[in-house]
C-alpha atoms as a PDB file:
ATOM      1  CA  UNK A   1      -0.038   0.347  -0.391  1.00  0.00           C
ATOM      2  CA  UNK A   2       1.180   3.298  -1.409  1.00  0.00           C
ATOM      3  CA  UNK A   3       2.112   6.184   1.365  1.00  0.00           C
ATOM      4  CA  UNK A   4      -0.835   8.312  -0.089  1.00  0.00           C
ATOM      5  CA  UNK A   5      -3.266   5.483   0.510  1.00  0.00           C
ATOM      6  CA  UNK A   6      -1.897   5.101   3.728  1.00  0.00           C
ATOM      7  CA  UNK A   7      -2.643   9.246   4.415  1.00  0.00           C
ATOM      8  CA  UNK A   8      -5.695   8.655   2.998  1.00  0.00           C
ATOM      9  CA  UNK A   9      -7.116   5.912   5.093  1.00  0.00           C
ATOM     10  CA  UNK A  10      -6.018   7.911   8.194  1.00  0.00           C
ATOM     11  CA  UNK A  11      -7.892  10.977   7.029  1.00  0.00           C
ATOM     12  CA  UNK A  12     -10.619   9.143   5.847  1.00  0.00           C
ATOM     13  CA  UNK A  13     -10.896   7.909   9.834  1.00  0.00           C
ATOM     14  CA  UNK A  14     -10.068  11.297  11.307  1.00  0.00           C
ATOM     15  CA  UNK A  15     -13.497  12.628   9.313  1.00  0.00           C
ATOM     16  CA  UNK A  16     -15.588   9.962  10.655  1.00  0.00           C
ATOM     17  CA  UNK A  17     -14.862  10.293  14.292  1.00  0.00           C
ATOM     18  CA  UNK A  18     -15.732  13.542  14.111  1.00  0.00           C
ATOM     19  CA  UNK A  19     -19.057  13.337  11.914  1.00  0.00           C
ATOM     20  CA  UNK A  20     -19.731  10.494  14.559  1.00  0.00           C
ATOM     21  CA  UNK A  21     -18.837  13.138  17.362  1.00  0.00           C
ATOM     22  CA  UNK A  22     -20.828  16.064  15.653  1.00  0.00           C
ATOM     23  CA  UNK A  23     -23.844  13.115  15.125  1.00  0.00           C
ATOM     24  CA  UNK A  24     -23.797  12.287  18.873  1.00  0.00           C
ATOM     25  CA  UNK A  25     -23.597  15.829  20.034  1.00  0.00           C
ATOM     26  CA  UNK A  26     -26.780  16.385  18.111  1.00  0.00           C
ATOM     27  CA  UNK A  27     -28.780  12.838  19.231  1.00  0.00           C
ATOM     28  CA  UNK A  28     -27.683  14.247  22.634  1.00  0.00           C
ATOM     29  CA  UNK A  29     -29.027  17.681  22.907  1.00  0.00           C
ATOM     30  CA  UNK A  30     -32.002  16.537  20.996  1.00  0.00           C
ATOM     31  CA  UNK A  31     -32.564  13.811  23.506  1.00  0.00           C
ATOM     32  CA  UNK A  32     -32.071  16.696  26.462  1.00  0.00           C
ATOM     33  CA  UNK A  33     -34.672  18.782  24.551  1.00  0.00           C
ATOM     34  CA  UNK A  34     -37.118  15.983  24.711  1.00  0.00           C
ATOM     35  CA  UNK A  35     -36.812  15.737  28.721  1.00  0.00           C
ATOM     36  CA  UNK A  36     -37.333  19.717  28.723  1.00  0.00           C
ATOM     37  CA  UNK A  37     -39.815  20.557  26.134  1.00  0.00           C
ATOM     38  CA  UNK A  38     -41.098  16.963  25.584  1.00  0.00           C
ATOM     39  CA  UNK A  39     -41.281  17.390  22.012  1.00  0.00           C
ATOM     40  CA  UNK A  40     -39.118  16.311  19.351  1.00  0.00           C
ATOM     41  CA  UNK A  41     -37.988  19.230  16.663  1.00  0.00           C
ATOM     42  CA  UNK A  42     -35.647  18.090  13.839  1.00  0.00           C
ATOM     43  CA  UNK A  43     -34.304  20.409  11.188  1.00  0.00           C
ATOM     44  CA  UNK A  44     -33.380  18.771   7.869  1.00  0.00           C
ATOM     45  CA  UNK A  45     -29.915  19.869   9.014  1.00  0.00           C
ATOM     46  CA  UNK A  46     -29.937  17.389  12.009  1.00  0.00           C
ATOM     47  CA  UNK A  47     -31.852  14.939  10.218  1.00  0.00           C
ATOM     48  CA  UNK A  48     -28.492  15.034   7.334  1.00  0.00           C
ATOM     49  CA  UNK A  49     -26.406  14.903  10.317  1.00  0.00           C
ATOM     50  CA  UNK A  50     -27.624  11.804  12.303  1.00  0.00           C
ATOM     51  CA  UNK A  51     -27.808  10.056   8.651  1.00  0.00           C
ATOM     52  CA  UNK A  52     -23.675  10.914   8.551  1.00  0.00           C
ATOM     53  CA  UNK A  53     -23.137   9.967  11.802  1.00  0.00           C
ATOM     54  CA  UNK A  54     -24.910   6.380  10.949  1.00  0.00           C
ATOM     55  CA  UNK A  55     -22.397   6.256   7.148  1.00  0.00           C
ATOM     56  CA  UNK A  56     -19.462   6.890   9.502  1.00  0.00           C
ATOM     57  CA  UNK A  57     -19.713   4.443  11.512  1.00  0.00           C
ATOM     58  CA  UNK A  58     -19.530   1.952   8.286  1.00  0.00           C
ATOM     59  CA  UNK A  59     -16.874   3.860   7.020  1.00  0.00           C
ATOM     60  CA  UNK A  60     -15.183   3.649  10.197  1.00  0.00           C
ATOM     61  CA  UNK A  61     -14.954   0.073  10.663  1.00  0.00           C
ATOM     62  CA  UNK A  62     -14.253   0.030   6.734  1.00  0.00           C
ATOM     63  CA  UNK A  63     -11.117   2.075   7.737  1.00  0.00           C
ATOM     64  CA  UNK A  64      -9.697   0.347  11.011  1.00  0.00           C
ATOM     65  CA  UNK A  65     -10.456  -3.253   8.519  1.00  0.00           C
ATOM     66  CA  UNK A  66      -7.821  -1.749   6.218  1.00  0.00           C
ATOM     67  CA  UNK A  67      -5.546  -0.549   8.586  1.00  0.00           C
ATOM     68  CA  UNK A  68      -5.515  -3.171   9.982  1.00  0.00           C
ATOM     69  CA  UNK A  69      -4.599  -5.244   6.871  1.00  0.00           C
ATOM     70  CA  UNK A  70      -1.941  -3.249   6.457  1.00  0.00           C
ATOM     71  CA  UNK A  71      -0.414  -3.037   9.569  1.00  0.00           C
ATOM     72  CA  UNK A  72       0.238  -7.114   9.192  1.00  0.00           C
END
């Protein structure tokens, strides 16, 4: 595996982790507002971030597997 592929895999790993953290923050604030106001209001942006977080989990797992193979 070339150096460029290694760097790209690490960048994808970091970006997917950041997107997952953002989705976790959105879900946490959504649950907090649910307890306070007893209503759920999602914007299109929040829905997109949550869907991105779900996708980020699969990308994160793929990158970890790829790096695991690369290190062996």
